[in-house]
C-alpha atoms as a PDB file:
ATOM      1  CA  MET A   1      -0.002   0.000   0.006  1.00  0.00           C
ATOM      2  CA  ILE A   2       1.295   3.444  -0.904  1.00  0.00           C
ATOM      3  CA  ASN A   3       0.676   6.146   1.665  1.00  0.00           C
ATOM      4  CA  ASN A   4      -0.014   9.794   1.010  1.00  0.00           C
ATOM      5  CA  TYR A   5       2.577  12.551   1.357  1.00  0.00           C
ATOM      6  CA  ASN A   6       4.452  12.566   4.655  1.00  0.00           C
ATOM      7  CA  HIS A   7       6.532  15.630   5.491  1.00  0.00           C
ATOM      8  CA  SER A   8       9.059  13.816   7.657  1.00  0.00           C
ATOM      9  CA  ASN A   9       9.987  11.415   4.845  1.00  0.00           C
ATOM     10  CA  PHE A  10       9.812  13.763   1.887  1.00  0.00           C
ATOM     11  CA  PHE A  11      13.193  15.447   2.272  1.00  0.00           C
ATOM     12  CA  PRO A  12      15.083  12.093   2.382  1.00  0.00           C
ATOM     13  CA  ILE A  13      13.149  11.071  -0.751  1.00  0.00           C
ATOM     14  CA  LEU A  14      14.460  14.076  -2.634  1.00  0.00           C
ATOM     15  CA  LEU A  15      18.009  13.755  -1.328  1.00  0.00           C
ATOM     16  CA  LEU A  16      18.318  10.074  -2.139  1.00  0.00           C
ATOM     17  CA  GLY A  17      16.443  10.526  -5.375  1.00  0.00           C
ATOM     18  CA  TRP A  18      19.223  12.438  -7.061  1.00  0.00           C
ATOM     19  CA  MET A  19      22.091  10.996  -4.910  1.00  0.00           C
ATOM     20  CA  LEU A  20      21.004   9.293  -7.239  1.00  0.00           C
ATOM     21  CA  VAL A  21      25.391   6.145 -22.223  1.00  0.00           C
ATOM     22  CA  LEU A  22      26.544   6.174 -25.129  1.00  0.00           C
ATOM     23  CA  SER A  23      26.719   7.559 -28.716  1.00  0.00           C
ATOM     24  CA  THR A  24      26.558   5.134 -31.666  1.00  0.00           C
ATOM     25  CA  CYS A  25      28.987   7.260 -33.662  1.00  0.00           C
ATOM     26  CA  LYS A  26      31.771   6.801 -31.077  1.00  0.00           C
ATOM     27  CA  SER A  27      34.402   4.134 -31.681  1.00  0.00           C
ATOM     28  CA  PRO A  28      35.401   2.040 -28.647  1.00  0.00           C
ATOM     29  CA  ALA A  29      38.989   0.923 -28.114  1.00  0.00           C
ATOM     30  CA  VAL A  30      37.748  -2.531 -27.117  1.00  0.00           C
ATOM     31  CA  PRO A  31      35.356  -4.361 -29.463  1.00  0.00           C
ATOM     32  CA  SER A  32      31.845  -4.830 -28.109  1.00  0.00           C
ATOM     33  CA  SER A  33      30.829  -8.365 -27.210  1.00  0.00           C
ATOM     34  CA  ARG A  34      27.854 -10.201 -25.757  1.00  0.00           C
ATOM     35  CA  THR A  35      30.122 -11.536 -23.020  1.00  0.00           C
ATOM     36  CA  PRO A  36      33.292 -10.073 -21.434  1.00  0.00           C
ATOM     37  CA  ILE A  37      36.562 -10.656 -23.272  1.00  0.00           C
ATOM     38  CA  LYS A  38      38.931 -12.729 -21.150  1.00  0.00           C
ATOM     39  CA  ASP A  39      42.250 -11.205 -20.048  1.00  0.00           C
ATOM     40  CA  ILE A  40      41.279  -7.782 -21.372  1.00  0.00           C
ATOM     41  CA  GLU A  41      43.740  -4.945 -20.776  1.00  0.00           C
ATOM     42  CA  ILE A  42      42.289  -2.731 -18.052  1.00  0.00           C
ATOM     43  CA  LYS A  43      43.738   0.406 -19.634  1.00  0.00           C
ATOM     44  CA  GLU A  44      41.993  -0.339 -22.926  1.00  0.00           C
ATOM     45  CA  LEU A  45      38.730  -1.112 -21.137  1.00  0.00           C
ATOM     46  CA  THR A  46      38.741   2.162 -19.184  1.00  0.00           C
ATOM     47  CA  LYS A  47      39.472   4.057 -22.400  1.00  0.00           C
ATOM     48  CA  SER A  48      36.481   2.404 -24.085  1.00  0.00           C
ATOM     49  CA  VAL A  49      34.193   3.271 -21.192  1.00  0.00           C
ATOM     50  CA  ALA A  50      35.426   6.876 -21.067  1.00  0.00           C
ATOM     51  CA  LYS A  51      35.026   7.394 -24.829  1.00  0.00           C
ATOM     52  CA  ASN A  52      31.443   6.220 -24.709  1.00  0.00           C
ATOM     53  CA  GLN A  53      30.245   8.073 -21.633  1.00  0.00           C
ATOM     54  CA  LEU A  54      27.255  10.366 -21.755  1.00  0.00           C
ATOM     55  CA  ASN A  55      28.077  13.912 -22.819  1.00  0.00           C
ATOM     56  CA  TYR A  56      25.504  16.571 -21.979  1.00  0.00           C
ATOM     57  CA  LYS A  57      25.131  20.206 -20.928  1.00  0.00           C
ATOM     58  CA  LYS A  58      21.500  20.381 -19.816  1.00  0.00           C
ATOM     59  CA  PHE A  59      18.995  17.645 -18.982  1.00  0.00           C
ATOM     60  CA  ARG A  60      15.384  17.527 -17.855  1.00  0.00           C
ATOM     61  CA  SER A  61      12.893  14.769 -17.132  1.00  0.00           C
ATOM     62  CA  ARG A  62       9.706  13.881 -15.324  1.00  0.00           C
ATOM     63  CA  VAL A  63      10.607  11.367 -12.617  1.00  0.00           C
ATOM     64  CA  LYS A  64       8.223   8.983 -10.899  1.00  0.00           C
ATOM     65  CA  THR A  65       9.876   8.436  -7.521  1.00  0.00           C
ATOM     66  CA  THR A  66       9.078   5.554  -5.190  1.00  0.00           C
ATOM     67  CA  TYR A  67      10.476   5.453  -1.649  1.00  0.00           C
ATOM     68  CA  ASP A  68      10.314   2.250   0.409  1.00  0.00           C
ATOM     69  CA  ASN A  69      11.953   1.776   3.813  1.00  0.00           C
ATOM     70  CA  GLY A  70      10.231  -1.541   4.528  1.00  0.00           C
ATOM     71  CA  LYS A  71       7.655   0.091   6.767  1.00  0.00           C
ATOM     72  CA  ARG A  72       6.248   2.786   4.523  1.00  0.00           C
ATOM     73  CA  LYS A  73       6.030   3.165   0.767  1.00  0.00           C
ATOM     74  CA  GLN A  74       5.458   6.511  -0.924  1.00  0.00           C
ATOM     75  CA  GLN A  75       5.240   7.745  -4.487  1.00  0.00           C
ATOM     76  CA  ILE A  76       5.717  11.267  -5.759  1.00  0.00           C
ATOM     77  CA  ILE A  77       6.264  12.943  -9.142  1.00  0.00           C
ATOM     78  CA  ILE A  78       9.366  15.103  -9.548  1.00  0.00           C
ATOM     79  CA  ASN A  79      10.239  17.465 -12.370  1.00  0.00           C
ATOM     80  CA  LEU A  80      14.014  17.277 -12.676  1.00  0.00           C
ATOM     81  CA  ARG A  81      16.363  19.768 -14.339  1.00  0.00           C
ATOM     82  CA  LEU A  82      20.159  19.524 -14.446  1.00  0.00           C
ATOM     83  CA  GLU A  83      22.751  21.934 -15.719  1.00  0.00           C
ATOM     84  CA  LYS A  84      26.098  20.182 -15.744  1.00  0.00           C
ATOM     85  CA  SER A  85      28.490  21.392 -13.032  1.00  0.00           C
ATOM     86  CA  LYS A  86      26.029  24.131 -12.047  1.00  0.00           C
ATOM     87  CA  SER A  87      22.703  22.988 -10.632  1.00  0.00           C
ATOM     88  CA  ILE A  88      20.284  20.202  -9.744  1.00  0.00           C
ATOM     89  CA  TRP A  89      16.679  21.433  -9.526  1.00  0.00           C
ATOM     90  CA  MET A  90      13.601  19.463  -8.483  1.00  0.00           C
ATOM     91  CA  SER A  91       9.951  20.388  -8.180  1.00  0.00           C
ATOM     92  CA  ALA A  92       7.756  17.793  -6.481  1.00  0.00           C
ATOM     93  CA  THR A  93       4.067  17.600  -7.283  1.00  0.00           C
ATOM     94  CA  MET A  94       0.944  15.853  -6.091  1.00  0.00           C
ATOM     95  CA  ILE A  95      -1.521  17.341  -8.617  1.00  0.00           C
ATOM     96  CA  VAL A  96      -0.104  20.758  -7.591  1.00  0.00           C
ATOM     97  CA  PRO A  97       3.498  21.697  -6.715  1.00  0.00           C
ATOM     98  CA  ILE A  98       4.286  20.896  -3.090  1.00  0.00           C
ATOM     99  CA  ALA A  99       8.041  21.415  -2.719  1.00  0.00           C
ATOM    100  CA  LYS A 100      11.217  22.508  -4.490  1.00  0.00           C
ATOM    101  CA  LEU A 101      14.876  21.593  -4.073  1.00  0.00           C
ATOM    102  CA  LEU A 102      17.931  23.357  -5.540  1.00  0.00           C
ATOM    103  CA  VAL A 103      21.471  22.076  -5.186  1.00  0.00           C
ATOM    104  CA  THR A 104      24.496  23.961  -6.502  1.00  0.00           C
ATOM    105  CA  PRO A 105      28.206  23.384  -5.826  1.00  0.00           C
ATOM    106  CA  GLU A 106      27.885  25.799  -2.897  1.00  0.00           C
ATOM    107  CA  ARG A 107      24.327  25.465  -1.566  1.00  0.00           C
ATOM    108  CA  VAL A 108      21.450  23.124  -0.742  1.00  0.00           C
ATOM    109  CA  SER A 109      18.073  24.907  -0.611  1.00  0.00           C
ATOM    110  CA  PHE A 110      14.661  23.400  -0.052  1.00  0.00           C
ATOM    111  CA  TYR A 111      11.136  24.522   0.783  1.00  0.00           C
ATOM    112  CA  GLU A 112       7.789  22.770   1.153  1.00  0.00           C
ATOM    113  CA  LYS A 113       4.321  24.269   0.957  1.00  0.00           C
ATOM    114  CA  PHE A 114       2.353  22.146   3.424  1.00  0.00           C
ATOM    115  CA  GLU A 115       3.941  23.512   6.585  1.00  0.00           C
ATOM    116  CA  LYS A 116       5.519  26.540   4.862  1.00  0.00           C
ATOM    117  CA  THR A 117       9.065  25.738   5.928  1.00  0.00           C
ATOM    118  CA  PHE A 118      12.477  26.000   4.257  1.00  0.00           C
ATOM    119  CA  PHE A 119      16.066  24.869   4.685  1.00  0.00           C
ATOM    120  CA  GLU A 120      19.340  26.372   3.452  1.00  0.00           C
ATOM    121  CA  GLY A 121      22.806  24.919   3.925  1.00  0.00           C
ATOM    122  CA  ASP A 122      25.832  23.673   1.992  1.00  0.00           C
ATOM    123  CA  VAL A 123      26.540  20.297   0.405  1.00  0.00           C
ATOM    124  CA  SER A 124      28.188  19.085   3.606  1.00  0.00           C
ATOM    125  CA  PHE A 125      24.663  18.763   4.989  1.00  0.00           C
ATOM    126  CA  ILE A 126      24.000  15.837   2.636  1.00  0.00           C
ATOM    127  CA  ASN A 127      27.207  14.115   3.696  1.00  0.00           C
ATOM    128  CA  GLU A 128      26.340  14.585   7.359  1.00  0.00           C
ATOM    129  CA  GLN A 129      22.949  12.923   6.846  1.00  0.00           C
ATOM    130  CA  PHE A 130      24.331   9.860   5.077  1.00  0.00           C
ATOM    131  CA  GLU A 131      27.917   9.809   6.388  1.00  0.00           C
ATOM    132  CA  THR A 132      29.283  10.157   2.870  1.00  0.00           C
ATOM    133  CA  SER A 133      31.872  12.430   1.265  1.00  0.00           C
ATOM    134  CA  PHE A 134      30.152  13.312  -2.013  1.00  0.00           C
ATOM    135  CA  GLU A 135      30.932  16.436  -4.012  1.00  0.00           C
ATOM    136  CA  PHE A 136      28.430  18.198  -6.250  1.00  0.00           C
ATOM    137  CA  LYS A 137      29.732  16.546  -9.428  1.00  0.00           C
ATOM    138  CA  ASP A 138      29.357  13.147  -7.774  1.00  0.00           C
ATOM    139  CA  LEU A 139      25.649  13.764  -7.205  1.00  0.00           C
ATOM    140  CA  GLN A 140      25.106  14.589 -10.870  1.00  0.00           C
ATOM    141  CA  ASN A 141      27.079  11.546 -11.987  1.00  0.00           C
ATOM    142  CA  LEU A 142      25.031   9.241  -9.750  1.00  0.00           C
ATOM    143  CA  LEU A 143      21.841  10.652 -11.161  1.00  0.00           C
ATOM    144  CA  MET A 144      22.926  10.357 -14.814  1.00  0.00           C
ATOM    145  CA  GLY A 145      24.402   6.858 -14.705  1.00  0.00           C
ATOM    146  CA  LEU A 146      28.063   7.881 -14.761  1.00  0.00           C
ATOM    147  CA  PRO A 147      30.869   6.418 -12.604  1.00  0.00           C
ATOM    148  CA  LEU A 148      31.414   8.306  -9.384  1.00  0.00           C
ATOM    149  CA  ILE A 149      35.155   8.553 -10.047  1.00  0.00           C
ATOM    150  CA  ASN A 150      37.229   9.118 -13.173  1.00  0.00           C
ATOM    151  CA  ILE A 151      38.132   5.596 -14.224  1.00  0.00           C
ATOM    152  CA  THR A 152      40.931   6.783 -16.548  1.00  0.00           C
ATOM    153  CA  ARG A 153      42.881   7.853 -13.469  1.00  0.00           C
ATOM    154  CA  GLY A 154      44.303   5.699 -10.728  1.00  0.00           C
ATOM    155  CA  ARG A 155      44.856   1.957 -10.656  1.00  0.00           C
ATOM    156  CA  PHE A 156      42.056  -0.575 -11.078  1.00  0.00           C
ATOM    157  CA  GLU A 157      41.717  -4.305 -10.871  1.00  0.00           C
ATOM    158  CA  SER A 158      39.294  -6.443 -12.831  1.00  0.00           C
ATOM    159  CA  ILE A 159      36.957  -9.017 -11.251  1.00  0.00           C
ATOM    160  CA  SER A 160      36.104 -11.964 -13.491  1.00  0.00           C
ATOM    161  CA  HIS A 161      32.380 -12.339 -14.257  1.00  0.00           C
ATOM    162  CA  PRO A 162      30.527 -14.220 -17.031  1.00  0.00           C
ATOM    163  CA  LYS A 163      28.177 -11.310 -17.832  1.00  0.00           C
ATOM    164  CA  TYR A 164      29.871  -7.989 -16.962  1.00  0.00           C
ATOM    165  CA  TYR A 165      33.150  -6.128 -16.943  1.00  0.00           C
ATOM    166  CA  ILE A 166      33.745  -5.354 -13.250  1.00  0.00           C
ATOM    167  CA  LEU A 167      36.301  -2.820 -12.072  1.00  0.00           C
ATOM    168  CA  THR A 168      37.294  -1.706  -8.584  1.00  0.00           C
ATOM    169  CA  PRO A 169      40.094   0.656  -7.448  1.00  0.00           C
ATOM    170  CA  LYS A 170      43.218  -0.835  -5.914  1.00  0.00           C
ATOM    171  CA  SER A 171      43.516   1.989  -3.376  1.00  0.00           C
ATOM    172  CA  ASP A 172      42.688   1.158   0.240  1.00  0.00           C
ATOM    173  CA  LYS A 173      42.410   4.831   1.229  1.00  0.00           C
ATOM    174  CA  LEU A 174      38.879   5.376  -0.104  1.00  0.00           C
ATOM    175  CA  ARG A 175      36.167   5.767   2.561  1.00  0.00           C
ATOM    176  CA  PHE A 176      33.669   4.202   0.156  1.00  0.00           C
ATOM    177  CA  ARG A 177      35.135   1.353  -1.881  1.00  0.00           C
ATOM    178  CA  PRO A 178      33.372   1.461  -5.267  1.00  0.00           C
ATOM    179  CA  THR A 179      32.741  -1.440  -7.623  1.00  0.00           C
ATOM    180  CA  PHE A 180      31.596  -0.731 -11.207  1.00  0.00           C
ATOM    181  CA  PHE A 181      29.658  -3.106 -13.474  1.00  0.00           C
ATOM    182  CA  PHE A 182      29.768  -2.432 -17.246  1.00  0.00           C
ATOM    183  CA  ASP A 183      27.845  -3.994 -20.135  1.00  0.00           C
ATOM    184  CA  PRO A 184      30.351  -5.729 -22.482  1.00  0.00           C
ATOM    185  CA  ASN A 185      28.130  -4.992 -25.480  1.00  0.00           C
ATOM    186  CA  ASN A 186      28.043  -1.205 -25.227  1.00  0.00           C
ATOM    187  CA  PHE A 187      30.178  -0.263 -22.160  1.00  0.00           C
ATOM    188  CA  LEU A 188      27.204   1.268 -20.372  1.00  0.00           C
ATOM    189  CA  LEU A 189      27.476   1.490 -16.605  1.00  0.00           C
ATOM    190  CA  LEU A 190      24.857  -0.914 -15.218  1.00  0.00           C
ATOM    191  CA  GLU A 191      25.645  -0.725 -11.527  1.00  0.00           C
ATOM    192  CA  GLN A 192      27.946   0.936  -9.031  1.00  0.00           C
ATOM    193  CA  ARG A 193      28.280  -0.273  -5.464  1.00  0.00           C
ATOM    194  CA  PHE A 194      29.910   1.466  -2.536  1.00  0.00           C
ATOM    195  CA  MET A 195      30.992  -0.445   0.560  1.00  0.00           C
ATOM    196  CA  VAL A 196      32.292   1.074   3.788  1.00  0.00           C
ATOM    197  CA  PRO A 197      35.317  -1.037   4.782  1.00  0.00           C
ATOM    198  CA  GLY A 198      34.956  -2.696   8.173  1.00  0.00           C
ATOM    199  CA  THR A 199      31.180  -2.252   8.287  1.00  0.00           C
ATOM    200  CA  GLN A 200      28.051  -3.738   6.748  1.00  0.00           C
ATOM    201  CA  ARG A 201      26.984  -0.377   5.310  1.00  0.00           C
ATOM    202  CA  SER A 202      26.533  -0.132   1.561  1.00  0.00           C
ATOM    203  CA  LEU A 203      25.049   2.068  -1.161  1.00  0.00           C
ATOM    204  CA  THR A 204      24.080   0.657  -4.586  1.00  0.00           C
ATOM    205  CA  PHE A 205      22.921   2.343  -7.792  1.00  0.00           C
ATOM    206  CA  LYS A 206      21.536   0.241 -10.653  1.00  0.00           C
ATOM    207  CA  TYR A 207      20.857   1.713 -14.123  1.00  0.00           C
ATOM    208  CA  LEU A 208      18.231  -0.083 -16.193  1.00  0.00           C
ATOM    209  CA  ASN A 209      16.494   0.086 -19.564  1.00  0.00           C
ATOM    210  CA  HIS A 210      18.601   2.813 -21.171  1.00  0.00           C
ATOM    211  CA  GLN A 211      16.889   5.149 -23.632  1.00  0.00           C
ATOM    212  CA  LYS A 212      18.545   6.852 -26.596  1.00  0.00           C
ATOM    213  CA  LEU A 213      18.260  10.646 -26.701  1.00  0.00           C
ATOM    214  CA  GLU A 214      19.949  12.595 -29.482  1.00  0.00           C
ATOM    215  CA  GLY A 215      22.619   9.927 -29.894  1.00  0.00           C
ATOM    216  CA  GLU A 216      23.251   9.607 -26.152  1.00  0.00           C
ATOM    217  CA  PHE A 217      21.968   6.949 -23.765  1.00  0.00           C
ATOM    218  CA  VAL A 218      20.544   7.631 -20.301  1.00  0.00           C
ATOM    219  CA  PRO A 219      18.841   5.161 -17.983  1.00  0.00           C
ATOM    220  CA  ARG A 220      15.060   4.968 -17.926  1.00  0.00           C
ATOM    221  CA  GLU A 221      15.235   3.697 -14.373  1.00  0.00           C
ATOM    222  CA  VAL A 222      17.610   4.155 -11.461  1.00  0.00           C
ATOM    223  CA  GLN A 223      17.316   1.826  -8.478  1.00  0.00           C
ATOM    224  CA  ILE A 224      18.990   3.004  -5.275  1.00  0.00           C
ATOM    225  CA  SER A 225      19.557   0.782  -2.242  1.00  0.00           C
ATOM    226  CA  LEU A 226      20.942   2.095   1.037  1.00  0.00           C
ATOM    227  CA  PHE A 227      21.793  -0.393   3.788  1.00  0.00           C
ATOM    228  CA  ASP A 228      22.927   1.076   7.115  1.00  0.00           C
ATOM    229  CA  GLY A 229      23.807  -2.241   8.722  1.00  0.00           C
ATOM    230  CA  LEU A 230      20.320  -2.747  10.141  1.00  0.00           C
ATOM    231  CA  ALA A 231      17.694  -1.569   7.674  1.00  0.00           C
ATOM    232  CA  LEU A 232      17.374  -1.391   3.893  1.00  0.00           C
ATOM    233  CA  THR A 233      15.914   1.645   2.131  1.00  0.00           C
ATOM    234  CA  ARG A 234      15.024   1.463  -1.566  1.00  0.00           C
ATOM    235  CA  ILE A 235      14.319   4.316  -3.966  1.00  0.00           C
ATOM    236  CA  LYS A 236      13.278   3.911  -7.585  1.00  0.00           C
ATOM    237  CA  LEU A 237      13.507   6.743 -10.103  1.00  0.00           C
ATOM    238  CA  GLU A 238      11.657   6.292 -13.399  1.00  0.00           C
ATOM    239  CA  TYR A 239      12.582   8.846 -16.069  1.00  0.00           C
ATOM    240  CA  THR A 240       9.970   9.857 -18.657  1.00  0.00           C
ATOM    241  CA  ARG A 241       9.712  12.763 -21.116  1.00  0.00           C
ATOM    242  CA  ALA A 242      13.476  13.190 -20.915  1.00  0.00           C
ATOM    243  CA  ASP A 243      15.419  15.502 -23.231  1.00  0.00           C
ATOM    244  CA  PHE A 244      18.491  17.716 -23.575  1.00  0.00           C
ATOM    245  CA  PRO A 245      17.070  21.254 -23.974  1.00  0.00           C
ATOM    246  CA  GLU A 246      19.133  24.136 -25.276  1.00  0.00           C
ATOM    247  CA  GLN A 247      17.553  26.509 -22.762  1.00  0.00           C
ATOM    248  CA  LEU A 248      16.710  25.589 -19.181  1.00  0.00           C
ATOM    249  CA  SER A 249      15.172  27.771 -16.494  1.00  0.00           C
ATOM    250  CA  ILE A 250      15.906  27.115 -12.814  1.00  0.00           C
ATOM    251  CA  PRO A 251      13.212  29.048 -10.896  1.00  0.00           C
ATOM    252  CA  PHE A 252      13.792  29.050  -7.161  1.00  0.00           C
ATOM    253  CA  ASP A 253      12.722  31.686  -4.644  1.00  0.00           C
ATOM    254  CA  ILE A 254      11.756  30.876  -1.071  1.00  0.00           C
ATOM    255  CA  PRO A 255       8.308  32.427  -0.503  1.00  0.00           C
ATOM    256  CA  ALA A 256       7.954  35.221   2.013  1.00  0.00           C
ATOM    257  CA  GLY A 257       6.701  34.156   5.422  1.00  0.00           C
ATOM    258  CA  TYR A 258       8.167  30.625   5.354  1.00  0.00           C
ATOM    259  CA  GLN A 259       9.905  29.484   8.529  1.00  0.00           C
ATOM    260  CA  PRO A 260      13.450  28.033   8.608  1.00  0.00           C
ATOM    261  CA  ILE A 261      13.970  24.514   9.891  1.00  0.00           C
ATOM    262  CA  GLU A 262      17.015  22.628  11.126  1.00  0.00           C
ATOM    263  CA  MET A 263      17.707  19.211   9.608  1.00  0.00           C
END
């Protein structure tokens, strides 16, 4: 059963929702294959992935968002707008607009219309909530189905698998140890997992049913799973009416009379 809007859960829905690819004219360094090529050179594989990554300046989509923490399940519609390296904008609706969220490299701003409250802070707020160390560009990459880190830099090791190319960094200094799963046929990122060494905590993003837009591929669906060692929270983002507009407005003004809240 899906419950109606709940103010206490809505802000985590938005945050996790965006905490939340390829052009056919690009030529990969590694030939595509239905199954992974054995003993592939990691350097050549990372080059192929990098050459075929999504390239965009502006993106917008309607997003059906489902939040499920095992006790409560909620659905909400979000209008999403991204300007690369500049902003992530969301407007949530339930027939009428009910809340807006704006994230920039410097600020996180949010307001909701039911209780007429707002929040303003910096990106460190997000990391404090989820004990992560994400930067703004990381949030956009997670949302768009791109690897959290630049895979052409650093040292990686390959994990043998019959269906996917799997890469993970060799460094032991990362707070979150990422593992990346790539499709051998088109080098699309299908999944990225983040484990906290020495704990049972994990964060997983899966990218499903990619759609082709103007020669680029973006996921139709993003599945997010957050396990804190005790409970599992799932969020599903379903992208529809997606495009890469030339012009994109980012309207955001906190209405007069709204009261600040502490998160």
